[in-house]
Amino acid sequence: TATGGTVVSNLDDLTPDHLGRAERVEERRAG
């Protein structure tokens, strides 16, 4: 919902229309 993408159960079903978008993705450590 956040990225505007679609959850798939099989990679073979994945198309560009299923992809979500985010301006920035990063990883943080918190505790």
All heavy atoms as atom14 arrays in JSON, in Angstrom:
{
  "sequence": "TATGGTVVSNLDDLTPDHLGRAERVEERRAG",
  "atom14_mask": [
    [1, 1, 1, 1, 1, 1, 1, 0, 0, 0, 0, 0, 0, 0],
    [1, 1, 1, 1, 1, 0, 0, 0, 0, 0, 0, 0, 0, 0],
    [1, 1, 1, 1, 1, 1, 1, 0, 0, 0, 0, 0, 0, 0],
    [1, 1, 1, 1, 0, 0, 0, 0, 0, 0, 0, 0, 0, 0],
    [1, 1, 1, 1, 0, 0, 0, 0, 0, 0, 0, 0, 0, 0],
    [1, 1, 1, 1, 1, 1, 1, 0, 0, 0, 0, 0, 0, 0],
    [1, 1, 1, 1, 1, 1, 1, 0, 0, 0, 0, 0, 0, 0],
    [1, 1, 1, 1, 1, 1, 1, 0, 0, 0, 0, 0, 0, 0],
    [1, 1, 1, 1, 1, 1, 0, 0, 0, 0, 0, 0, 0, 0],
    [1, 1, 1, 1, 1, 1, 1, 1, 0, 0, 0, 0, 0, 0],
    [1, 1, 1, 1, 1, 1, 1, 1, 0, 0, 0, 0, 0, 0],
    [1, 1, 1, 1, 1, 1, 1, 1, 0, 0, 0, 0, 0, 0],
    [1, 1, 1, 1, 1, 1, 1, 1, 0, 0, 0, 0, 0, 0],
    [1, 1, 1, 1, 1, 1, 1, 1, 0, 0, 0, 0, 0, 0],
    [1, 1, 1, 1, 1, 1, 1, 0, 0, 0, 0, 0, 0, 0],
    [1, 1, 1, 1, 1, 1, 1, 0, 0, 0, 0, 0, 0, 0],
    [1, 1, 1, 1, 1, 1, 1, 1, 0, 0, 0, 0, 0, 0],
    [1, 1, 1, 1, 1, 1, 1, 1, 1, 1, 0, 0, 0, 0],
    [1, 1, 1, 1, 1, 1, 1, 1, 0, 0, 0, 0, 0, 0],
    [1, 1, 1, 1, 0, 0, 0, 0, 0, 0, 0, 0, 0, 0],
    [1, 1, 1, 1, 1, 1, 1, 1, 1, 1, 1, 0, 0, 0],
    [1, 1, 1, 1, 1, 0, 0, 0, 0, 0, 0, 0, 0, 0],
    [1, 1, 1, 1, 1, 1, 1, 1, 1, 0, 0, 0, 0, 0],
    [1, 1, 1, 1, 1, 1, 1, 1, 1, 1, 1, 0, 0, 0],
    [1, 1, 1, 1, 1, 1, 1, 0, 0, 0, 0, 0, 0, 0],
    [1, 1, 1, 1, 1, 1, 1, 1, 1, 0, 0, 0, 0, 0],
    [1, 1, 1, 1, 1, 1, 1, 1, 1, 0, 0, 0, 0, 0],
    [1, 1, 1, 1, 1, 1, 1, 1, 1, 1, 1, 0, 0, 0],
    [1, 1, 1, 1, 1, 1, 1, 1, 1, 1, 1, 0, 0, 0],
    [1, 1, 1, 1, 1, 0, 0, 0, 0, 0, 0, 0, 0, 0],
    [1, 1, 1, 1, 0, 0, 0, 0, 0, 0, 0, 0, 0, 0]
  ],
  "atom14_positions": [
    [[0.83, -1.21, 0.0], [0.0, 0.0, 0.0], [0.86, 1.25, 0.0], [0.57, 2.23, -0.7], [-0.93, 0.0, 1.23], [-1.75, -1.17, 1.21], [-1.8, 1.23, 1.26], [0.0, 0.0, 0.0], [0.0, 0.0, 0.0], [0.0, 0.0, 0.0], [0.0, 0.0, 0.0], [0.0, 0.0, 0.0], [0.0, 0.0, 0.0], [0.0, 0.0, 0.0]],
    [[1.93, 1.22, 0.78], [2.8, 2.4, 0.87], [3.49, 2.69, -0.46], [3.54, 3.84, -0.91], [3.84, 2.19, 1.97], [0.0, 0.0, 0.0], [0.0, 0.0, 0.0], [0.0, 0.0, 0.0], [0.0, 0.0, 0.0], [0.0, 0.0, 0.0], [0.0, 0.0, 0.0], [0.0, 0.0, 0.0], [0.0, 0.0, 0.0], [0.0, 0.0, 0.0]],
    [[4.03, 1.66, -1.07], [4.83, 1.86, -2.29], [4.01, 1.88, -3.56], [4.54, 2.2, -4.63], [5.89, 0.75, -2.4], [5.23, -0.53, -2.48], [6.83, 0.76, -1.21], [0.0, 0.0, 0.0], [0.0, 0.0, 0.0], [0.0, 0.0, 0.0], [0.0, 0.0, 0.0], [0.0, 0.0, 0.0], [0.0, 0.0, 0.0], [0.0, 0.0, 0.0]],
    [[2.73, 1.55, -3.45], [1.9, 1.47, -4.64], [2.12, 0.21, -5.44], [1.73, 0.13, -6.61], [0.0, 0.0, 0.0], [0.0, 0.0, 0.0], [0.0, 0.0, 0.0], [0.0, 0.0, 0.0], [0.0, 0.0, 0.0], [0.0, 0.0, 0.0], [0.0, 0.0, 0.0], [0.0, 0.0, 0.0], [0.0, 0.0, 0.0], [0.0, 0.0, 0.0]],
    [[2.74, -0.79, -4.81], [3.0, -2.05, -5.49], [1.92, -3.09, -5.21], [0.91, -2.82, -4.57], [0.0, 0.0, 0.0], [0.0, 0.0, 0.0], [0.0, 0.0, 0.0], [0.0, 0.0, 0.0], [0.0, 0.0, 0.0], [0.0, 0.0, 0.0], [0.0, 0.0, 0.0], [0.0, 0.0, 0.0], [0.0, 0.0, 0.0], [0.0, 0.0, 0.0]],
    [[2.17, -4.3, -5.73], [1.24, -5.41, -5.56], [2.01, -6.62, -5.06], [3.08, -6.95, -5.59], [0.53, -5.77, -6.88], [-0.14, -4.61, -7.38], [-0.48, -6.89, -6.66], [0.0, 0.0, 0.0], [0.0, 0.0, 0.0], [0.0, 0.0, 0.0], [0.0, 0.0, 0.0], [0.0, 0.0, 0.0], [0.0, 0.0, 0.0], [0.0, 0.0, 0.0]],
    [[1.49, -7.27, -4.03], [2.12, -8.48, -3.51], [1.84, -9.64, -4.47], [0.71, -9.85, -4.91], [1.57, -8.82, -2.12], [2.19, -10.11, -1.6], [1.84, -7.67, -1.15], [0.0, 0.0, 0.0], [0.0, 0.0, 0.0], [0.0, 0.0, 0.0], [0.0, 0.0, 0.0], [0.0, 0.0, 0.0], [0.0, 0.0, 0.0], [0.0, 0.0, 0.0]],
    [[2.9, -10.39, -4.81], [2.74, -11.58, -5.65], [3.18, -12.8, -4.87], [3.94, -12.69, -3.91], [3.54, -11.46, -6.96], [3.07, -10.28, -7.78], [5.04, -11.34, -6.67], [0.0, 0.0, 0.0], [0.0, 0.0, 0.0], [0.0, 0.0, 0.0], [0.0, 0.0, 0.0], [0.0, 0.0, 0.0], [0.0, 0.0, 0.0], [0.0, 0.0, 0.0]],
    [[2.7, -13.94, -5.28], [3.07, -15.19, -4.63], [4.08, -15.98, -5.45], [4.7, -16.92, -4.94], [1.82, -16.06, -4.39], [0.92, -15.4, -3.54], [0.0, 0.0, 0.0], [0.0, 0.0, 0.0], [0.0, 0.0, 0.0], [0.0, 0.0, 0.0], [0.0, 0.0, 0.0], [0.0, 0.0, 0.0], [0.0, 0.0, 0.0], [0.0, 0.0, 0.0]],
    [[4.25, -15.62, -6.71], [5.18, -16.33, -7.59], [5.92, -15.3, -8.42], [5.31, -14.41, -9.03], [4.39, -17.29, -8.5], [5.29, -18.26, -9.23], [6.39, -17.89, -9.66], [4.82, -19.49, -9.39], [0.0, 0.0, 0.0], [0.0, 0.0, 0.0], [0.0, 0.0, 0.0], [0.0, 0.0, 0.0], [0.0, 0.0, 0.0], [0.0, 0.0, 0.0]],
    [[7.24, -15.41, -8.46], [8.04, -14.45, -9.22], [7.71, -14.47, -10.71], [7.86, -13.46, -11.4], [9.54, -14.75, -9.04], [10.21, -14.2, -7.77], [11.7, -14.47, -7.8], [9.95, -12.7, -7.61], [0.0, 0.0, 0.0], [0.0, 0.0, 0.0], [0.0, 0.0, 0.0], [0.0, 0.0, 0.0], [0.0, 0.0, 0.0], [0.0, 0.0, 0.0]],
    [[7.24, -15.61, -11.21], [6.89, -15.68, -12.63], [5.71, -14.77, -12.96], [5.51, -14.41, -14.13], [6.55, -17.12, -13.03], [7.77, -18.03, -13.0], [8.9, -17.5, -13.12], [7.61, -19.26, -12.86], [0.0, 0.0, 0.0], [0.0, 0.0, 0.0], [0.0, 0.0, 0.0], [0.0, 0.0, 0.0], [0.0, 0.0, 0.0], [0.0, 0.0, 0.0]],
    [[4.92, -14.43, -11.94], [3.77, -13.56, -12.18], [4.14, -12.08, -12.09], [3.29, -11.22, -12.38], [2.67, -13.84, -11.13], [2.16, -15.26, -11.2], [2.19, -15.84, -12.31], [1.74, -15.8, -10.15], [0.0, 0.0, 0.0], [0.0, 0.0, 0.0], [0.0, 0.0, 0.0], [0.0, 0.0, 0.0], [0.0, 0.0, 0.0], [0.0, 0.0, 0.0]],
    [[5.37, -11.79, -11.7], [5.76, -10.4, -11.47], [5.94, -9.66, -12.79], [6.62, -10.12, -13.7], [7.07, -10.35, -10.68], [7.54, -8.97, -10.21], [6.6, -8.44, -9.14], [8.97, -9.04, -9.69], [0.0, 0.0, 0.0], [0.0, 0.0, 0.0], [0.0, 0.0, 0.0], [0.0, 0.0, 0.0], [0.0, 0.0, 0.0], [0.0, 0.0, 0.0]],
    [[5.31, -8.49, -12.9], [5.45, -7.61, -14.05], [5.84, -6.22, -13.54], [5.71, -5.93, -12.34], [4.14, -7.52, -14.86], [3.15, -6.84, -14.07], [3.63, -8.91, -15.23], [0.0, 0.0, 0.0], [0.0, 0.0, 0.0], [0.0, 0.0, 0.0], [0.0, 0.0, 0.0], [0.0, 0.0, 0.0], [0.0, 0.0, 0.0], [0.0, 0.0, 0.0]],
    [[6.28, -5.33, -14.42], [6.6, -3.96, -13.98], [5.43, -3.26, -13.29], [5.65, -2.39, -12.43], [6.99, -3.26, -15.28], [7.55, -4.36, -16.14], [6.7, -5.56, -15.82], [0.0, 0.0, 0.0], [0.0, 0.0, 0.0], [0.0, 0.0, 0.0], [0.0, 0.0, 0.0], [0.0, 0.0, 0.0], [0.0, 0.0, 0.0], [0.0, 0.0, 0.0]],
    [[4.21, -3.63, -13.64], [3.05, -3.0, -13.0], [2.91, -3.38, -11.54], [2.21, -2.7, -10.78], [1.76, -3.39, -13.74], [1.7, -2.8, -15.14], [2.38, -1.77, -15.36], [1.0, -3.36, -15.99], [0.0, 0.0, 0.0], [0.0, 0.0, 0.0], [0.0, 0.0, 0.0], [0.0, 0.0, 0.0], [0.0, 0.0, 0.0], [0.0, 0.0, 0.0]],
    [[3.54, -4.48, -11.12], [3.46, -4.94, -9.74], [4.46, -4.24, -8.82], [4.39, -4.38, -7.59], [3.69, -6.45, -9.65], [2.6, -7.27, -10.26], [2.84, -8.23, -11.23], [1.26, -7.26, -10.06], [1.7, -8.78, -11.58], [0.73, -8.21, -10.89], [0.0, 0.0, 0.0], [0.0, 0.0, 0.0], [0.0, 0.0, 0.0], [0.0, 0.0, 0.0]],
    [[5.42, -3.52, -9.39], [6.5, -2.96, -8.59], [6.04, -1.72, -7.83], [5.27, -0.9, -8.34], [7.69, -2.6, -9.48], [8.33, -3.75, -10.25], [9.53, -3.24, -11.04], [8.74, -4.87, -9.32], [0.0, 0.0, 0.0], [0.0, 0.0, 0.0], [0.0, 0.0, 0.0], [0.0, 0.0, 0.0], [0.0, 0.0, 0.0], [0.0, 0.0, 0.0]],
    [[6.53, -1.61, -6.6], [6.3, -0.41, -5.81], [7.49, 0.54, -5.92], [8.55, 0.17, -6.43], [0.0, 0.0, 0.0], [0.0, 0.0, 0.0], [0.0, 0.0, 0.0], [0.0, 0.0, 0.0], [0.0, 0.0, 0.0], [0.0, 0.0, 0.0], [0.0, 0.0, 0.0], [0.0, 0.0, 0.0], [0.0, 0.0, 0.0], [0.0, 0.0, 0.0]],
    [[7.3, 1.75, -5.42], [8.36, 2.76, -5.52], [8.57, 3.43, -4.17], [7.62, 3.62, -3.4], [8.01, 3.82, -6.57], [8.02, 3.31, -7.99], [7.56, 4.39, -8.97], [7.59, 3.92, -10.35], [8.63, 4.02, -11.16], [9.75, 4.61, -10.74], [8.57, 3.57, -12.4], [0.0, 0.0, 0.0], [0.0, 0.0, 0.0], [0.0, 0.0, 0.0]],
    [[9.82, 3.81, -3.92], [10.17, 4.58, -2.74], [11.32, 5.51, -3.1], [12.24, 5.11, -3.83], [10.59, 3.66, -1.59], [0.0, 0.0, 0.0], [0.0, 0.0, 0.0], [0.0, 0.0, 0.0], [0.0, 0.0, 0.0], [0.0, 0.0, 0.0], [0.0, 0.0, 0.0], [0.0, 0.0, 0.0], [0.0, 0.0, 0.0], [0.0, 0.0, 0.0]],
    [[11.25, 6.75, -2.62], [12.31, 7.7, -2.94], [13.64, 7.28, -2.34], [14.69, 7.54, -2.92], [11.93, 9.09, -2.43], [10.77, 9.72, -3.17], [10.45, 11.11, -2.65], [11.17, 11.57, -1.73], [9.5, 11.73, -3.15], [0.0, 0.0, 0.0], [0.0, 0.0, 0.0], [0.0, 0.0, 0.0], [0.0, 0.0, 0.0], [0.0, 0.0, 0.0]],
    [[13.6, 6.61, -1.19], [14.84, 6.21, -0.55], [14.59, 4.97, 0.3], [13.6, 4.89, 1.03], [15.39, 7.34, 0.34], [16.71, 7.03, 1.02], [17.18, 8.23, 1.83], [18.41, 7.96, 2.57], [19.62, 8.13, 2.06], [19.77, 8.56, 0.82], [20.71, 7.87, 2.78], [0.0, 0.0, 0.0], [0.0, 0.0, 0.0], [0.0, 0.0, 0.0]],
    [[15.48, 4.01, 0.19], [15.44, 2.8, 1.01], [16.8, 2.67, 1.69], [17.85, 2.72, 1.02], [15.15, 1.54, 0.17], [15.12, 0.3, 1.07], [13.84, 1.68, -0.58], [0.0, 0.0, 0.0], [0.0, 0.0, 0.0], [0.0, 0.0, 0.0], [0.0, 0.0, 0.0], [0.0, 0.0, 0.0], [0.0, 0.0, 0.0], [0.0, 0.0, 0.0]],
    [[16.78, 2.53, 2.99], [18.02, 2.36, 3.73], [17.77, 1.5, 4.96], [16.63, 1.22, 5.33], [18.58, 3.72, 4.15], [17.68, 4.5, 5.1], [18.29, 5.83, 5.49], [19.53, 5.94, 5.44], [17.54, 6.75, 5.85], [0.0, 0.0, 0.0], [0.0, 0.0, 0.0], [0.0, 0.0, 0.0], [0.0, 0.0, 0.0], [0.0, 0.0, 0.0]],
    [[18.86, 1.07, 5.58], [18.76, 0.21, 6.75], [19.37, 0.91, 7.96], [20.4, 1.58, 7.85], [19.49, -1.11, 6.48], [19.18, -2.21, 7.46], [19.71, -3.56, 6.99], [19.02, -4.2, 6.16], [20.82, -3.94, 7.4], [0.0, 0.0, 0.0], [0.0, 0.0, 0.0], [0.0, 0.0, 0.0], [0.0, 0.0, 0.0], [0.0, 0.0, 0.0]],
    [[18.7, 0.75, 9.11], [19.19, 1.34, 10.35], [19.18, 0.28, 11.44], [18.36, -0.63, 11.42], [18.32, 2.52, 10.8], [18.14, 3.62, 9.8], [17.29, 4.74, 10.4], [16.79, 5.63, 9.37], [15.58, 6.15, 9.36], [14.74, 5.88, 10.35], [15.19, 6.95, 8.39], [0.0, 0.0, 0.0], [0.0, 0.0, 0.0], [0.0, 0.0, 0.0]],
    [[20.05, 0.46, 12.4], [20.05, -0.36, 13.62], [19.39, 0.44, 14.73], [19.7, 1.6, 14.96], [21.47, -0.72, 14.03], [22.14, -1.71, 13.1], [21.79, -3.12, 13.5], [22.35, -4.1, 12.58], [22.52, -5.38, 12.86], [22.19, -5.82, 14.06], [23.01, -6.21, 11.97], [0.0, 0.0, 0.0], [0.0, 0.0, 0.0], [0.0, 0.0, 0.0]],
    [[18.45, -0.19, 15.42], [17.74, 0.47, 16.52], [17.63, -0.51, 17.67], [16.78, -1.4, 17.67], [16.35, 0.92, 16.07], [0.0, 0.0, 0.0], [0.0, 0.0, 0.0], [0.0, 0.0, 0.0], [0.0, 0.0, 0.0], [0.0, 0.0, 0.0], [0.0, 0.0, 0.0], [0.0, 0.0, 0.0], [0.0, 0.0, 0.0], [0.0, 0.0, 0.0]],
    [[18.54, -0.37, 18.64], [18.53, -1.29, 19.77], [18.81, -2.7, 19.32], [19.83, -2.98, 18.67], [0.0, 0.0, 0.0], [0.0, 0.0, 0.0], [0.0, 0.0, 0.0], [0.0, 0.0, 0.0], [0.0, 0.0, 0.0], [0.0, 0.0, 0.0], [0.0, 0.0, 0.0], [0.0, 0.0, 0.0], [0.0, 0.0, 0.0], [0.0, 0.0, 0.0]]
  ]
}
